[in-house]
């Protein structure tokens, strides 16, 4: 890979390393059009990933 492909691979590798590391903080926020945005922080408070969970997958209680 070269260029953007290498950058994307490096970003994914960095996220994987962060997720394998020390305990993380997970923050759930309501997404603009339903569902949830999940913000994942490392132990230093650095944002390491943002994920979206569609409303269909969010359990309502």
C-alpha atoms as a PDB file:
ATOM      1  CA  UNK A   1       0.000   0.000   0.000  1.00  0.00           C
ATOM      2  CA  UNK A   2       1.061   3.543  -0.496  1.00  0.00           C
ATOM      3  CA  UNK A   3      -0.244   6.995   0.287  1.00  0.00           C
ATOM      4  CA  UNK A   4      -3.740   7.018   1.755  1.00  0.00           C
ATOM      5  CA  UNK A   5      -3.791   3.222   2.067  1.00  0.00           C
ATOM      6  CA  UNK A   6      -0.752   3.288   4.351  1.00  0.00           C
ATOM      7  CA  UNK A   7      -2.203   6.146   6.393  1.00  0.00           C
ATOM      8  CA  UNK A   8      -5.508   4.290   6.821  1.00  0.00           C
ATOM      9  CA  UNK A   9      -3.641   1.133   7.874  1.00  0.00           C
ATOM     10  CA  UNK A  10      -1.597   3.128  10.416  1.00  0.00           C
ATOM     11  CA  UNK A  11      -4.762   4.697  11.852  1.00  0.00           C
ATOM     12  CA  UNK A  12      -6.436   1.299  12.188  1.00  0.00           C
ATOM     13  CA  UNK A  13      -3.326  -0.180  13.810  1.00  0.00           C
ATOM     14  CA  UNK A  14      -3.212   2.729  16.270  1.00  0.00           C
ATOM     15  CA  UNK A  15      -6.868   2.249  17.186  1.00  0.00           C
ATOM     16  CA  UNK A  16      -6.330  -1.483  17.687  1.00  0.00           C
ATOM     17  CA  UNK A  17      -3.322  -0.846  19.940  1.00  0.00           C
ATOM     18  CA  UNK A  18      -5.333   1.677  21.967  1.00  0.00           C
ATOM     19  CA  UNK A  19      -8.201  -0.770  22.393  1.00  0.00           C
ATOM     20  CA  UNK A  20      -5.800  -3.501  23.594  1.00  0.00           C
ATOM     21  CA  UNK A  21      -4.266  -1.156  26.151  1.00  0.00           C
ATOM     22  CA  UNK A  22      -5.332  -0.069  29.643  1.00  0.00           C
ATOM     23  CA  UNK A  23      -8.976   0.463  30.624  1.00  0.00           C
ATOM     24  CA  UNK A  24     -10.858   2.918  28.450  1.00  0.00           C
ATOM     25  CA  UNK A  25     -13.688   5.355  29.052  1.00  0.00           C
ATOM     26  CA  UNK A  26     -16.782   4.848  26.906  1.00  0.00           C
ATOM     27  CA  UNK A  27     -19.194   7.768  26.515  1.00  0.00           C
ATOM     28  CA  UNK A  28     -22.613   7.195  24.933  1.00  0.00           C
ATOM     29  CA  UNK A  29     -24.278  10.198  23.298  1.00  0.00           C
ATOM     30  CA  UNK A  30     -27.616  10.318  21.463  1.00  0.00           C
ATOM     31  CA  UNK A  31     -26.936  10.578  17.729  1.00  0.00           C
ATOM     32  CA  UNK A  32     -28.535  13.352  15.697  1.00  0.00           C
ATOM     33  CA  UNK A  33     -30.910  11.063  13.748  1.00  0.00           C
ATOM     34  CA  UNK A  34     -31.392   8.283  16.315  1.00  0.00           C
ATOM     35  CA  UNK A  35     -29.042   5.660  17.611  1.00  0.00           C
ATOM     36  CA  UNK A  36     -25.929   6.344  19.651  1.00  0.00           C
ATOM     37  CA  UNK A  37     -22.505   7.810  19.071  1.00  0.00           C
ATOM     38  CA  UNK A  38     -19.902   5.991  21.169  1.00  0.00           C
ATOM     39  CA  UNK A  39     -16.795   7.993  22.062  1.00  0.00           C
ATOM     40  CA  UNK A  40     -13.887   5.865  23.284  1.00  0.00           C
ATOM     41  CA  UNK A  41     -11.086   7.472  25.283  1.00  0.00           C
ATOM     42  CA  UNK A  42      -7.807   6.040  26.553  1.00  0.00           C
ATOM     43  CA  UNK A  43      -6.555   6.382  30.131  1.00  0.00           C
ATOM     44  CA  UNK A  44      -5.024   9.802  29.327  1.00  0.00           C
ATOM     45  CA  UNK A  45      -8.328  11.197  28.117  1.00  0.00           C
ATOM     46  CA  UNK A  46      -7.346  11.083  24.436  1.00  0.00           C
ATOM     47  CA  UNK A  47     -10.179  10.273  22.036  1.00  0.00           C
ATOM     48  CA  UNK A  48      -9.148   7.073  20.247  1.00  0.00           C
ATOM     49  CA  UNK A  49     -12.300   6.082  18.368  1.00  0.00           C
ATOM     50  CA  UNK A  50     -15.853   7.131  17.553  1.00  0.00           C
ATOM     51  CA  UNK A  51     -18.451   4.550  16.587  1.00  0.00           C
ATOM     52  CA  UNK A  52     -22.105   4.801  15.618  1.00  0.00           C
ATOM     53  CA  UNK A  53     -24.777   2.341  16.763  1.00  0.00           C
ATOM     54  CA  UNK A  54     -27.974   2.469  14.669  1.00  0.00           C
ATOM     55  CA  UNK A  55     -31.266   2.957  16.532  1.00  0.00           C
ATOM     56  CA  UNK A  56     -32.384  -0.541  15.493  1.00  0.00           C
ATOM     57  CA  UNK A  57     -29.564  -2.040  17.570  1.00  0.00           C
ATOM     58  CA  UNK A  58     -30.127   0.077  20.673  1.00  0.00           C
ATOM     59  CA  UNK A  59     -32.255  -1.742  23.241  1.00  0.00           C
ATOM     60  CA  UNK A  60     -35.054   0.363  24.654  1.00  0.00           C
ATOM     61  CA  UNK A  61     -35.898  -0.170  28.333  1.00  0.00           C
END
